PDB file of all heavy atoms in Angstrom:
ATOM      1  N   ASP A   1       0.816  -1.211   0.000  1.00  0.00           N
ATOM      2  CA  ASP A   1       0.000   0.000   0.000  1.00  0.00           C
ATOM      3  C   ASP A   1       0.853   1.267   0.000  1.00  0.00           C
ATOM      4  O   ASP A   1       0.343   2.357   0.242  1.00  0.00           O
ATOM      5  CB  ASP A   1      -0.961   0.002   1.190  1.00  0.00           C
ATOM      6  CG  ASP A   1      -0.240  -0.055   2.542  1.00  0.00           C
ATOM      7  OD1 ASP A   1       1.001  -0.196   2.551  1.00  0.00           O
ATOM      8  OD2 ASP A   1      -0.927   0.026   3.575  1.00  0.00           O
ATOM      9  N   ASP A   2       2.151   1.136  -0.276  1.00  0.00           N
ATOM     10  CA  ASP A   2       3.023   2.305  -0.424  1.00  0.00           C
ATOM     11  C   ASP A   2       3.059   2.726  -1.894  1.00  0.00           C
ATOM     12  O   ASP A   2       2.420   2.117  -2.747  1.00  0.00           O
ATOM     13  CB  ASP A   2       4.429   1.967   0.072  1.00  0.00           C
ATOM     14  CG  ASP A   2       4.472   1.773   1.583  1.00  0.00           C
ATOM     15  OD1 ASP A   2       4.285   2.761   2.305  1.00  0.00           O
ATOM     16  OD2 ASP A   2       4.682   0.625   2.033  1.00  0.00           O
ATOM     17  N   GLU A   3       3.820   3.750  -2.186  1.00  0.00           N
ATOM     18  CA  GLU A   3       3.887   4.295  -3.541  1.00  0.00           C
ATOM     19  C   GLU A   3       4.450   3.268  -4.527  1.00  0.00           C
ATOM     20  O   GLU A   3       5.391   2.537  -4.224  1.00  0.00           O
ATOM     21  CB  GLU A   3       4.754   5.554  -3.570  1.00  0.00           C
ATOM     22  CG  GLU A   3       4.811   6.250  -4.913  1.00  0.00           C
ATOM     23  CD  GLU A   3       5.541   7.577  -4.879  1.00  0.00           C
ATOM     24  OE1 GLU A   3       5.991   7.971  -3.787  1.00  0.00           O
ATOM     25  OE2 GLU A   3       5.655   8.228  -5.944  1.00  0.00           O
ATOM     26  N   TRP A   4       3.858   3.253  -5.728  1.00  0.00           N
ATOM     27  CA  TRP A   4       4.339   2.407  -6.813  1.00  0.00           C
ATOM     28  C   TRP A   4       5.233   3.230  -7.746  1.00  0.00           C
ATOM     29  O   TRP A   4       4.973   4.418  -7.975  1.00  0.00           O
ATOM     30  CB  TRP A   4       3.181   1.824  -7.625  1.00  0.00           C
ATOM     31  CG  TRP A   4       2.427   0.734  -6.923  1.00  0.00           C
ATOM     32  CD1 TRP A   4       1.232   0.834  -6.290  1.00  0.00           C
ATOM     33  CD2 TRP A   4       2.835  -0.637  -6.794  1.00  0.00           C
ATOM     34  NE1 TRP A   4       0.855  -0.384  -5.772  1.00  0.00           N
ATOM     35  CE2 TRP A   4       1.822  -1.306  -6.063  1.00  0.00           C
ATOM     36  CE3 TRP A   4       3.950  -1.354  -7.213  1.00  0.00           C
ATOM     37  CZ2 TRP A   4       1.897  -2.667  -5.755  1.00  0.00           C
ATOM     38  CZ3 TRP A   4       4.033  -2.705  -6.909  1.00  0.00           C
ATOM     39  CH2 TRP A   4       3.016  -3.341  -6.192  1.00  0.00           C
ATOM     40  N   TYR A   5       6.252   2.569  -8.284  1.00  0.00           N
ATOM     41  CA  TYR A   5       7.156   3.185  -9.242  1.00  0.00           C
ATOM     42  C   TYR A   5       7.203   2.318 -10.491  1.00  0.00           C
ATOM     43  O   TYR A   5       7.346   1.099 -10.410  1.00  0.00           O
ATOM     44  CB  TYR A   5       8.562   3.319  -8.650  1.00  0.00           C
ATOM     45  CG  TYR A   5       8.595   4.105  -7.358  1.00  0.00           C
ATOM     46  CD1 TYR A   5       8.508   3.454  -6.120  1.00  0.00           C
ATOM     47  CD2 TYR A   5       8.704   5.488  -7.367  1.00  0.00           C
ATOM     48  CE1 TYR A   5       8.532   4.168  -4.933  1.00  0.00           C
ATOM     49  CE2 TYR A   5       8.726   6.212  -6.175  1.00  0.00           C
ATOM     50  CZ  TYR A   5       8.638   5.541  -4.966  1.00  0.00           C
ATOM     51  OH  TYR A   5       8.646   6.242  -3.787  1.00  0.00           O
ATOM     52  N   GLU A   6       7.072   2.953 -11.635  1.00  0.00           N
ATOM     53  CA  GLU A   6       7.078   2.195 -12.891  1.00  0.00           C
ATOM     54  C   GLU A   6       8.509   1.929 -13.347  1.00  0.00           C
ATOM     55  O   GLU A   6       9.372   2.814 -13.278  1.00  0.00           O
ATOM     56  CB  GLU A   6       6.330   2.959 -13.983  1.00  0.00           C
ATOM     57  CG  GLU A   6       6.227   2.212 -15.306  1.00  0.00           C
ATOM     58  CD  GLU A   6       5.293   2.874 -16.300  1.00  0.00           C
ATOM     59  OE1 GLU A   6       4.383   3.609 -15.866  1.00  0.00           O
ATOM     60  OE2 GLU A   6       5.480   2.661 -17.521  1.00  0.00           O
ATOM     61  N   ILE A   7       8.756   0.718 -13.809  1.00  0.00           N
ATOM     62  CA  ILE A   7      10.026   0.401 -14.455  1.00  0.00           C
ATOM     63  C   ILE A   7       9.984   1.007 -15.854  1.00  0.00           C
ATOM     64  O   ILE A   7       9.173   0.605 -16.693  1.00  0.00           O
ATOM     65  CB  ILE A   7      10.263  -1.116 -14.517  1.00  0.00           C
ATOM     66  CG1 ILE A   7      10.427  -1.698 -13.110  1.00  0.00           C
ATOM     67  CG2 ILE A   7      11.493  -1.426 -15.373  1.00  0.00           C
ATOM     68  CD1 ILE A   7      11.633  -1.193 -12.339  1.00  0.00           C
ATOM     69  N   ALA A   8      10.833   2.005 -16.081  1.00  0.00           N
ATOM     70  CA  ALA A   8      10.839   2.704 -17.365  1.00  0.00           C
ATOM     71  C   ALA A   8      11.652   1.880 -18.357  1.00  0.00           C
ATOM     72  O   ALA A   8      12.874   1.989 -18.440  1.00  0.00           O
ATOM     73  CB  ALA A   8      11.427   4.101 -17.203  1.00  0.00           C
ATOM     74  N   GLY A   9      10.937   1.028 -19.088  1.00  0.00           N
ATOM     75  CA  GLY A   9      11.586   0.194 -20.091  1.00  0.00           C
ATOM     76  C   GLY A   9      11.970   0.998 -21.317  1.00  0.00           C
ATOM     77  O   GLY A   9      11.870   2.233 -21.355  1.00  0.00           O
ATOM     78  N   SER A  10      12.378   0.290 -22.344  1.00  0.00           N
ATOM     79  CA  SER A  10      12.917   0.933 -23.549  1.00  0.00           C
ATOM     80  C   SER A  10      11.907   1.832 -24.259  1.00  0.00           C
ATOM     81  O   SER A  10      12.300   2.735 -25.004  1.00  0.00           O
ATOM     82  CB  SER A  10      13.410  -0.139 -24.522  1.00  0.00           C
ATOM     83  OG  SER A  10      12.361  -1.047 -24.847  1.00  0.00           O
ATOM     84  N   GLU A  11      10.612   1.626 -24.033  1.00  0.00           N
ATOM     85  CA  GLU A  11       9.585   2.403 -24.738  1.00  0.00           C
ATOM     86  C   GLU A  11       9.050   3.573 -23.917  1.00  0.00           C
ATOM     87  O   GLU A  11       8.234   4.363 -24.428  1.00  0.00           O
ATOM     88  CB  GLU A  11       8.415   1.479 -25.119  1.00  0.00           C
ATOM     89  CG  GLU A  11       8.813   0.204 -25.827  1.00  0.00           C
ATOM     90  CD  GLU A  11       9.682   0.450 -27.036  1.00  0.00           C
ATOM     91  OE1 GLU A  11       9.192   1.054 -28.004  1.00  0.00           O
ATOM     92  OE2 GLU A  11      10.869   0.039 -27.006  1.00  0.00           O
ATOM     93  N   TYR A  12       9.467   3.693 -22.679  1.00  0.00           N
ATOM     94  CA  TYR A  12       8.826   4.633 -21.763  1.00  0.00           C
ATOM     95  C   TYR A  12       8.864   6.075 -22.267  1.00  0.00           C
ATOM     96  O   TYR A  12       7.866   6.806 -22.166  1.00  0.00           O
ATOM     97  CB  TYR A  12       9.481   4.544 -20.382  1.00  0.00           C
ATOM     98  CG  TYR A  12       8.827   5.433 -19.357  1.00  0.00           C
ATOM     99  CD1 TYR A  12       7.699   5.015 -18.667  1.00  0.00           C
ATOM    100  CD2 TYR A  12       9.331   6.712 -19.082  1.00  0.00           C
ATOM    101  CE1 TYR A  12       7.081   5.837 -17.725  1.00  0.00           C
ATOM    102  CE2 TYR A  12       8.724   7.533 -18.141  1.00  0.00           C
ATOM    103  CZ  TYR A  12       7.596   7.087 -17.470  1.00  0.00           C
ATOM    104  OH  TYR A  12       6.992   7.908 -16.549  1.00  0.00           O
ATOM    105  N   TYR A  13       9.998   6.514 -22.804  1.00  0.00           N
ATOM    106  CA  TYR A  13      10.156   7.910 -23.194  1.00  0.00           C
ATOM    107  C   TYR A  13       9.812   8.183 -24.657  1.00  0.00           C
ATOM    108  O   TYR A  13       9.959   9.315 -25.129  1.00  0.00           O
ATOM    109  CB  TYR A  13      11.591   8.366 -22.907  1.00  0.00           C
ATOM    110  CG  TYR A  13      11.945   8.322 -21.432  1.00  0.00           C
ATOM    111  CD1 TYR A  13      12.696   7.273 -20.916  1.00  0.00           C
ATOM    112  CD2 TYR A  13      11.504   9.303 -20.557  1.00  0.00           C
ATOM    113  CE1 TYR A  13      13.015   7.217 -19.564  1.00  0.00           C
ATOM    114  CE2 TYR A  13      11.809   9.259 -19.200  1.00  0.00           C
ATOM    115  CZ  TYR A  13      12.573   8.208 -18.712  1.00  0.00           C
ATOM    116  OH  TYR A  13      12.875   8.153 -17.379  1.00  0.00           O
ATOM    117  N   LYS A  14       9.332   7.194 -25.378  1.00  0.00           N
ATOM    118  CA  LYS A  14       8.998   7.379 -26.796  1.00  0.00           C
ATOM    119  C   LYS A  14       7.622   8.018 -26.946  1.00  0.00           C
ATOM    120  O   LYS A  14       6.727   7.807 -26.127  1.00  0.00           O
ATOM    121  CB  LYS A  14       9.049   6.038 -27.524  1.00  0.00           C
ATOM    122  CG  LYS A  14      10.445   5.428 -27.581  1.00  0.00           C
ATOM    123  CD  LYS A  14      10.463   4.137 -28.368  1.00  0.00           C
ATOM    124  CE  LYS A  14      11.876   3.559 -28.450  1.00  0.00           C
ATOM    125  NZ  LYS A  14      11.926   2.279 -29.203  1.00  0.00           N
ATOM    126  N   ASN A  15       7.456   8.797 -28.022  1.00  0.00           N
ATOM    127  CA  ASN A  15       6.178   9.476 -28.216  1.00  0.00           C
ATOM    128  C   ASN A  15       5.065   8.538 -28.663  1.00  0.00           C
ATOM    129  O   ASN A  15       3.905   8.946 -28.756  1.00  0.00           O
ATOM    130  CB  ASN A  15       6.331  10.638 -29.216  1.00  0.00           C
ATOM    131  CG  ASN A  15       6.853  10.172 -30.571  1.00  0.00           C
ATOM    132  OD1 ASN A  15       6.845   8.993 -30.890  1.00  0.00           O
ATOM    133  ND2 ASN A  15       7.315  11.119 -31.380  1.00  0.00           N
ATOM    134  N   THR A  16       5.398   7.274 -28.926  1.00  0.00           N
ATOM    135  CA  THR A  16       4.373   6.291 -29.262  1.00  0.00           C
ATOM    136  C   THR A  16       3.749   5.664 -28.018  1.00  0.00           C
ATOM    137  O   THR A  16       2.774   4.917 -28.115  1.00  0.00           O
ATOM    138  CB  THR A  16       4.976   5.173 -30.128  1.00  0.00           C
ATOM    139  OG1 THR A  16       6.139   4.640 -29.466  1.00  0.00           O
ATOM    140  CG2 THR A  16       5.380   5.701 -31.494  1.00  0.00           C
ATOM    141  N   THR A  17       4.334   5.957 -26.844  1.00  0.00           N
ATOM    142  CA  THR A  17       3.827   5.427 -25.580  1.00  0.00           C
ATOM    143  C   THR A  17       2.899   6.451 -24.937  1.00  0.00           C
ATOM    144  O   THR A  17       3.243   7.633 -24.851  1.00  0.00           O
ATOM    145  CB  THR A  17       4.993   5.094 -24.640  1.00  0.00           C
ATOM    146  OG1 THR A  17       5.801   4.077 -25.245  1.00  0.00           O
ATOM    147  CG2 THR A  17       4.497   4.598 -23.303  1.00  0.00           C
ATOM    148  N   ILE A  18       1.724   5.996 -24.503  1.00  0.00           N
ATOM    149  CA  ILE A  18       0.717   6.878 -23.927  1.00  0.00           C
ATOM    150  C   ILE A  18       0.698   6.713 -22.417  1.00  0.00           C
ATOM    151  O   ILE A  18       0.480   5.609 -21.905  1.00  0.00           O
ATOM    152  CB  ILE A  18      -0.681   6.591 -24.510  1.00  0.00           C
ATOM    153  CG1 ILE A  18      -0.672   6.760 -26.023  1.00  0.00           C
ATOM    154  CG2 ILE A  18      -1.724   7.506 -23.868  1.00  0.00           C
ATOM    155  CD1 ILE A  18      -1.978   6.360 -26.688  1.00  0.00           C
ATOM    156  N   LYS A  19       0.926   7.810 -21.694  1.00  0.00           N
ATOM    157  CA  LYS A  19       0.819   7.791 -20.230  1.00  0.00           C
ATOM    158  C   LYS A  19      -0.622   8.134 -19.825  1.00  0.00           C
ATOM    159  O   LYS A  19      -1.350   8.794 -20.561  1.00  0.00           O
ATOM    160  CB  LYS A  19       1.773   8.810 -19.606  1.00  0.00           C
ATOM    161  CG  LYS A  19       3.221   8.748 -20.123  1.00  0.00           C
ATOM    162  CD  LYS A  19       3.910   7.455 -19.787  1.00  0.00           C
ATOM    163  CE  LYS A  19       5.419   7.572 -19.973  1.00  0.00           C
ATOM    164  NZ  LYS A  19       5.823   8.047 -21.295  1.00  0.00           N
ATOM    165  N   ASN A  20      -1.019   7.702 -18.643  1.00  0.00           N
ATOM    166  CA  ASN A  20      -2.363   7.968 -18.122  1.00  0.00           C
ATOM    167  C   ASN A  20      -3.444   7.512 -19.092  1.00  0.00           C
ATOM    168  O   ASN A  20      -4.470   8.169 -19.270  1.00  0.00           O
ATOM    169  CB  ASN A  20      -2.528   9.460 -17.802  1.00  0.00           C
ATOM    170  CG  ASN A  20      -1.516   9.952 -16.782  1.00  0.00           C
ATOM    171  OD1 ASN A  20      -1.325   9.319 -15.746  1.00  0.00           O
ATOM    172  ND2 ASN A  20      -0.851  11.052 -17.087  1.00  0.00           N
ATOM    173  N   TYR A  21      -3.196   6.379 -19.697  1.00  0.00           N
ATOM    174  CA  TYR A  21      -4.166   5.774 -20.607  1.00  0.00           C
ATOM    175  C   TYR A  21      -5.224   5.050 -19.783  1.00  0.00           C
ATOM    176  O   TYR A  21      -4.921   4.418 -18.762  1.00  0.00           O
ATOM    177  CB  TYR A  21      -3.461   4.789 -21.524  1.00  0.00           C
ATOM    178  CG  TYR A  21      -4.356   4.063 -22.504  1.00  0.00           C
ATOM    179  CD1 TYR A  21      -4.798   4.692 -23.650  1.00  0.00           C
ATOM    180  CD2 TYR A  21      -4.733   2.744 -22.276  1.00  0.00           C
ATOM    181  CE1 TYR A  21      -5.611   4.023 -24.565  1.00  0.00           C
ATOM    182  CE2 TYR A  21      -5.543   2.060 -23.179  1.00  0.00           C
ATOM    183  CZ  TYR A  21      -5.979   2.714 -24.321  1.00  0.00           C
ATOM    184  OH  TYR A  21      -6.777   2.053 -25.216  1.00  0.00           O
ATOM    185  N   SER A  22      -6.479   5.138 -20.210  1.00  0.00           N
ATOM    186  CA  SER A  22      -7.566   4.474 -19.501  1.00  0.00           C
ATOM    187  C   SER A  22      -8.463   3.755 -20.499  1.00  0.00           C
ATOM    188  O   SER A  22      -8.829   4.323 -21.539  1.00  0.00           O
ATOM    189  CB  SER A  22      -8.377   5.503 -18.704  1.00  0.00           C
ATOM    190  OG  SER A  22      -9.386   4.865 -17.944  1.00  0.00           O
ATOM    191  N   LEU A  23      -8.796   2.503 -20.203  1.00  0.00           N
ATOM    192  CA  LEU A  23      -9.630   1.687 -21.091  1.00  0.00           C
ATOM    193  C   LEU A  23     -10.720   1.014 -20.265  1.00  0.00           C
ATOM    194  O   LEU A  23     -10.458   0.490 -19.178  1.00  0.00           O
ATOM    195  CB  LEU A  23      -8.778   0.645 -21.815  1.00  0.00           C
ATOM    196  CG  LEU A  23      -9.491  -0.241 -22.838  1.00  0.00           C
ATOM    197  CD1 LEU A  23      -8.558  -0.575 -24.001  1.00  0.00           C
ATOM    198  CD2 LEU A  23      -9.985  -1.538 -22.202  1.00  0.00           C
ATOM    199  N   THR A  24     -11.943   1.024 -20.793  1.00  0.00           N
ATOM    200  CA  THR A  24     -13.084   0.417 -20.116  1.00  0.00           C
ATOM    201  C   THR A  24     -13.673  -0.692 -20.983  1.00  0.00           C
ATOM    202  O   THR A  24     -13.947  -0.483 -22.178  1.00  0.00           O
ATOM    203  CB  THR A  24     -14.171   1.455 -19.811  1.00  0.00           C
ATOM    204  OG1 THR A  24     -13.631   2.450 -18.937  1.00  0.00           O
ATOM    205  CG2 THR A  24     -15.376   0.804 -19.141  1.00  0.00           C
ATOM    206  N   TYR A  25     -13.849  -1.875 -20.388  1.00  0.00           N
ATOM    207  CA  TYR A  25     -14.534  -2.987 -21.027  1.00  0.00           C
ATOM    208  C   TYR A  25     -15.975  -3.025 -20.525  1.00  0.00           C
ATOM    209  O   TYR A  25     -16.232  -2.799 -19.339  1.00  0.00           O
ATOM    210  CB  TYR A  25     -13.865  -4.315 -20.670  1.00  0.00           C
ATOM    211  CG  TYR A  25     -12.415  -4.432 -21.062  1.00  0.00           C
ATOM    212  CD1 TYR A  25     -11.405  -4.129 -20.146  1.00  0.00           C
ATOM    213  CD2 TYR A  25     -12.035  -4.856 -22.335  1.00  0.00           C
ATOM    214  CE1 TYR A  25     -10.067  -4.245 -20.483  1.00  0.00           C
ATOM    215  CE2 TYR A  25     -10.696  -4.982 -22.685  1.00  0.00           C
ATOM    216  CZ  TYR A  25      -9.716  -4.671 -21.755  1.00  0.00           C
ATOM    217  OH  TYR A  25      -8.391  -4.784 -22.092  1.00  0.00           O
ATOM    218  N   HIS A  26     -16.906  -3.355 -21.419  1.00  0.00           N
ATOM    219  CA  HIS A  26     -18.322  -3.404 -21.061  1.00  0.00           C
ATOM    220  C   HIS A  26     -18.816  -4.848 -21.146  1.00  0.00           C
ATOM    221  O   HIS A  26     -18.725  -5.480 -22.206  1.00  0.00           O
ATOM    222  CB  HIS A  26     -19.134  -2.502 -21.985  1.00  0.00           C
ATOM    223  CG  HIS A  26     -18.697  -1.067 -21.935  1.00  0.00           C
ATOM    224  ND1 HIS A  26     -19.120  -0.195 -20.967  1.00  0.00           N
ATOM    225  CD2 HIS A  26     -17.818  -0.376 -22.730  1.00  0.00           C
ATOM    226  CE1 HIS A  26     -18.536   0.992 -21.168  1.00  0.00           C
ATOM    227  NE2 HIS A  26     -17.750   0.903 -22.226  1.00  0.00           N
ATOM    228  N   LYS A  27     -19.319  -5.337 -20.038  1.00  0.00           N
ATOM    229  CA  LYS A  27     -19.769  -6.723 -19.970  1.00  0.00           C
ATOM    230  C   LYS A  27     -20.969  -6.939 -20.885  1.00  0.00           C
ATOM    231  O   LYS A  27     -21.945  -6.181 -20.819  1.00  0.00           O
ATOM    232  CB  LYS A  27     -20.140  -7.084 -18.534  1.00  0.00           C
ATOM    233  CG  LYS A  27     -20.462  -8.554 -18.320  1.00  0.00           C
ATOM    234  CD  LYS A  27     -20.692  -8.845 -16.852  1.00  0.00           C
ATOM    235  CE  LYS A  27     -20.918 -10.334 -16.611  1.00  0.00           C
ATOM    236  NZ  LYS A  27     -21.099 -10.619 -15.171  1.00  0.00           N
ATOM    237  N   PRO A  28     -20.940  -7.956 -21.750  1.00  0.00           N
ATOM    238  CA  PRO A  28     -22.073  -8.207 -22.640  1.00  0.00           C
ATOM    239  C   PRO A  28     -23.265  -8.761 -21.865  1.00  0.00           C
ATOM    240  O   PRO A  28     -23.104  -9.326 -20.775  1.00  0.00           O
ATOM    241  CB  PRO A  28     -21.522  -9.246 -23.622  1.00  0.00           C
ATOM    242  CG  PRO A  28     -20.457  -9.957 -22.851  1.00  0.00           C
ATOM    243  CD  PRO A  28     -19.854  -8.922 -21.942  1.00  0.00           C
ATOM    244  N   ALA A  29     -24.459  -8.584 -22.439  1.00  0.00           N
ATOM    245  CA  ALA A  29     -25.666  -9.092 -21.783  1.00  0.00           C
ATOM    246  C   ALA A  29     -25.634 -10.598 -21.641  1.00  0.00           C
ATOM    247  O   ALA A  29     -26.120 -11.164 -20.664  1.00  0.00           O
ATOM    248  CB  ALA A  29     -26.899  -8.649 -22.561  1.00  0.00           C
ATOM    249  N   SER A  30     -25.041 -11.268 -22.623  1.00  0.00           N
ATOM    250  CA  SER A  30     -24.901 -12.729 -22.565  1.00  0.00           C
ATOM    251  C   SER A  30     -23.743 -13.143 -23.452  1.00  0.00           C
ATOM    252  O   SER A  30     -23.366 -12.425 -24.385  1.00  0.00           O
ATOM    253  CB  SER A  30     -26.185 -13.422 -23.029  1.00  0.00           C
ATOM    254  OG  SER A  30     -26.462 -13.098 -24.392  1.00  0.00           O
ATOM    255  N   ASP A  31     -23.177 -14.311 -23.154  1.00  0.00           N
ATOM    256  CA  ASP A  31     -22.083 -14.814 -23.978  1.00  0.00           C
ATOM    257  C   ASP A  31     -22.599 -15.205 -25.354  1.00  0.00           C
ATOM    258  O   ASP A  31     -23.696 -15.748 -25.491  1.00  0.00           O
ATOM    259  CB  ASP A  31     -21.436 -16.038 -23.329  1.00  0.00           C
ATOM    260  CG  ASP A  31     -20.663 -15.655 -22.083  1.00  0.00           C
ATOM    261  OD1 ASP A  31     -20.217 -14.497 -22.007  1.00  0.00           O
ATOM    262  OD2 ASP A  31     -20.524 -16.511 -21.191  1.00  0.00           O
ATOM    263  N   LYS A  32     -21.808 -14.926 -26.365  1.00  0.00           N
ATOM    264  CA  LYS A  32     -22.165 -15.294 -27.726  1.00  0.00           C
ATOM    265  C   LYS A  32     -21.389 -16.540 -28.128  1.00  0.00           C
ATOM    266  O   LYS A  32     -20.228 -16.686 -27.796  1.00  0.00           O
ATOM    267  CB  LYS A  32     -21.843 -14.155 -28.697  1.00  0.00           C
ATOM    268  CG  LYS A  32     -22.591 -12.864 -28.390  1.00  0.00           C
ATOM    269  CD  LYS A  32     -22.160 -11.757 -29.340  1.00  0.00           C
ATOM    270  CE  LYS A  32     -22.870 -10.463 -29.024  1.00  0.00           C
ATOM    271  NZ  LYS A  32     -22.459  -9.372 -29.946  1.00  0.00           N
ATOM    272  N   ILE A  33     -22.022 -17.420 -28.820  1.00  0.00           N
ATOM    273  CA  ILE A  33     -21.346 -18.609 -29.333  1.00  0.00           C
ATOM    274  C   ILE A  33     -20.771 -18.266 -30.701  1.00  0.00           C
ATOM    275  O   ILE A  33     -21.500 -17.870 -31.613  1.00  0.00           O
ATOM    276  CB  ILE A  33     -22.306 -19.804 -29.454  1.00  0.00           C
ATOM    277  CG1 ILE A  33     -22.959 -20.086 -28.106  1.00  0.00           C
ATOM    278  CG2 ILE A  33     -21.566 -21.024 -29.981  1.00  0.00           C
ATOM    279  CD1 ILE A  33     -21.993 -20.414 -27.004  1.00  0.00           C
ATOM    280  N   PRO A  34     -19.461 -18.380 -30.875  1.00  0.00           N
ATOM    281  CA  PRO A  34     -18.852 -17.977 -32.143  1.00  0.00           C
ATOM    282  C   PRO A  34     -19.215 -18.899 -33.296  1.00  0.00           C
ATOM    283  O   PRO A  34     -19.425 -20.087 -33.130  1.00  0.00           O
ATOM    284  CB  PRO A  34     -17.354 -18.052 -31.846  1.00  0.00           C
ATOM    285  CG  PRO A  34     -17.249 -19.057 -30.750  1.00  0.00           C
ATOM    286  CD  PRO A  34     -18.479 -18.886 -29.926  1.00  0.00           C
ATOM    287  N   VAL A  35     -19.308 -18.306 -34.451  1.00  0.00           N
ATOM    288  CA  VAL A  35     -19.551 -19.063 -35.681  1.00  0.00           C
ATOM    289  C   VAL A  35     -18.241 -19.145 -36.438  1.00  0.00           C
ATOM    290  O   VAL A  35     -17.643 -18.115 -36.752  1.00  0.00           O
ATOM    291  CB  VAL A  35     -20.612 -18.368 -36.549  1.00  0.00           C
ATOM    292  CG1 VAL A  35     -20.809 -19.122 -37.851  1.00  0.00           C
ATOM    293  CG2 VAL A  35     -21.923 -18.246 -35.788  1.00  0.00           C
ATOM    294  N   PRO A  36     -17.744 -20.353 -36.725  1.00  0.00           N
ATOM    295  CA  PRO A  36     -16.454 -20.470 -37.407  1.00  0.00           C
ATOM    296  C   PRO A  36     -16.417 -19.680 -38.708  1.00  0.00           C
ATOM    297  O   PRO A  36     -17.384 -19.637 -39.467  1.00  0.00           O
ATOM    298  CB  PRO A  36     -16.329 -21.979 -37.655  1.00  0.00           C
ATOM    299  CG  PRO A  36     -17.177 -22.593 -36.591  1.00  0.00           C
ATOM    300  CD  PRO A  36     -18.335 -21.660 -36.413  1.00  0.00           C
ATOM    301  N   GLY A  37     -15.275 -19.014 -38.945  1.00  0.00           N
ATOM    302  CA  GLY A  37     -15.101 -18.265 -40.175  1.00  0.00           C
ATOM    303  C   GLY A  37     -14.708 -19.182 -41.324  1.00  0.00           C
ATOM    304  O   GLY A  37     -14.652 -20.405 -41.201  1.00  0.00           O
ATOM    305  N   THR A  38     -14.393 -18.586 -42.450  1.00  0.00           N
ATOM    306  CA  THR A  38     -14.046 -19.373 -43.626  1.00  0.00           C
ATOM    307  C   THR A  38     -12.608 -19.859 -43.579  1.00  0.00           C
ATOM    308  O   THR A  38     -12.237 -20.731 -44.348  1.00  0.00           O
ATOM    309  CB  THR A  38     -14.249 -18.543 -44.894  1.00  0.00           C
ATOM    310  OG1 THR A  38     -13.455 -17.347 -44.785  1.00  0.00           O
ATOM    311  CG2 THR A  38     -15.711 -18.148 -45.051  1.00  0.00           C
ATOM    312  N   ALA A  39     -11.787 -19.284 -42.691  1.00  0.00           N
ATOM    313  CA  ALA A  39     -10.399 -19.728 -42.539  1.00  0.00           C
ATOM    314  C   ALA A  39     -10.056 -19.690 -41.054  1.00  0.00           C
ATOM    315  O   ALA A  39     -10.596 -18.895 -40.297  1.00  0.00           O
ATOM    316  CB  ALA A  39      -9.450 -18.834 -43.331  1.00  0.00           C
ATOM    317  N   PHE A  40      -9.127 -20.553 -40.623  1.00  0.00           N
ATOM    318  CA  PHE A  40      -8.892 -20.734 -39.195  1.00  0.00           C
ATOM    319  C   PHE A  40      -8.351 -19.487 -38.514  1.00  0.00           C
ATOM    320  O   PHE A  40      -8.466 -19.334 -37.311  1.00  0.00           O
ATOM    321  CB  PHE A  40      -7.944 -21.908 -38.956  1.00  0.00           C
ATOM    322  CG  PHE A  40      -6.505 -21.599 -39.276  1.00  0.00           C
ATOM    323  CD1 PHE A  40      -5.651 -21.123 -38.307  1.00  0.00           C
ATOM    324  CD2 PHE A  40      -6.014 -21.799 -40.554  1.00  0.00           C
ATOM    325  CE1 PHE A  40      -4.333 -20.856 -38.596  1.00  0.00           C
ATOM    326  CE2 PHE A  40      -4.699 -21.529 -40.846  1.00  0.00           C
ATOM    327  CZ  PHE A  40      -3.845 -21.050 -39.870  1.00  0.00           C
ATOM    328  N   TRP A  41      -7.769 -18.553 -39.310  1.00  0.00           N
ATOM    329  CA  TRP A  41      -7.155 -17.405 -38.669  1.00  0.00           C
ATOM    330  C   TRP A  41      -8.088 -16.197 -38.580  1.00  0.00           C
ATOM    331  O   TRP A  41      -7.732 -15.170 -38.077  1.00  0.00           O
ATOM    332  CB  TRP A  41      -5.887 -16.991 -39.416  1.00  0.00           C
ATOM    333  CG  TRP A  41      -6.090 -16.614 -40.843  1.00  0.00           C
ATOM    334  CD1 TRP A  41      -6.533 -15.424 -41.324  1.00  0.00           C
ATOM    335  CD2 TRP A  41      -5.856 -17.443 -41.974  1.00  0.00           C
ATOM    336  NE1 TRP A  41      -6.589 -15.439 -42.684  1.00  0.00           N
ATOM    337  CE2 TRP A  41      -6.170 -16.679 -43.123  1.00  0.00           C
ATOM    338  CE3 TRP A  41      -5.404 -18.754 -42.143  1.00  0.00           C
ATOM    339  CZ2 TRP A  41      -6.057 -17.197 -44.411  1.00  0.00           C
ATOM    340  CZ3 TRP A  41      -5.285 -19.258 -43.416  1.00  0.00           C
ATOM    341  CH2 TRP A  41      -5.606 -18.487 -44.528  1.00  0.00           C
TER     342      TRP A  41
END
Protein backbone atom coordinates (compact mmCIF):
# COMPACT_ATOMS: atom_id res chain seq x y z
CA ASP A 1 0.00 0.00 0.00
CA ASP A 2 3.02 2.30 -0.42
CA GLU A 3 3.89 4.29 -3.54
CA TRP A 4 4.34 2.41 -6.81
CA TYR A 5 7.16 3.19 -9.24
CA GLU A 6 7.08 2.19 -12.89
CA ILE A 7 10.03 0.40 -14.46
CA ALA A 8 10.84 2.70 -17.37
CA GLY A 9 11.59 0.19 -20.09
CA SER A 10 12.92 0.93 -23.55
CA GLU A 11 9.58 2.40 -24.74
CA TYR A 12 8.83 4.63 -21.76
CA TYR A 13 10.16 7.91 -23.19
CA LYS A 14 9.00 7.38 -26.80
CA ASN A 15 6.18 9.48 -28.22
CA THR A 16 4.37 6.29 -29.26
CA THR A 17 3.83 5.43 -25.58
CA ILE A 18 0.72 6.88 -23.93
CA LYS A 19 0.82 7.79 -20.23
CA ASN A 20 -2.36 7.97 -18.12
CA TYR A 21 -4.17 5.77 -20.61
CA SER A 22 -7.57 4.47 -19.50
CA LEU A 23 -9.63 1.69 -21.09
CA THR A 24 -13.08 0.42 -20.12
CA TYR A 25 -14.53 -2.99 -21.03
CA HIS A 26 -18.32 -3.40 -21.06
CA LYS A 27 -19.77 -6.72 -19.97
CA PRO A 28 -22.07 -8.21 -22.64
CA ALA A 29 -25.67 -9.09 -21.78
CA SER A 30 -24.90 -12.73 -22.57
CA ASP A 31 -22.08 -14.81 -23.98
CA LYS A 32 -22.17 -15.29 -27.73
CA ILE A 33 -21.35 -18.61 -29.33
CA PRO A 34 -18.85 -17.98 -32.14
CA VAL A 35 -19.55 -19.06 -35.68
CA PRO A 36 -16.45 -20.47 -37.41
CA GLY A 37 -15.10 -18.26 -40.18
CA THR A 38 -14.05 -19.37 -43.63
CA ALA A 39 -10.40 -19.73 -42.54
CA PHE A 40 -8.89 -20.73 -39.19
CA TRP A 41 -7.15 -17.41 -38.67
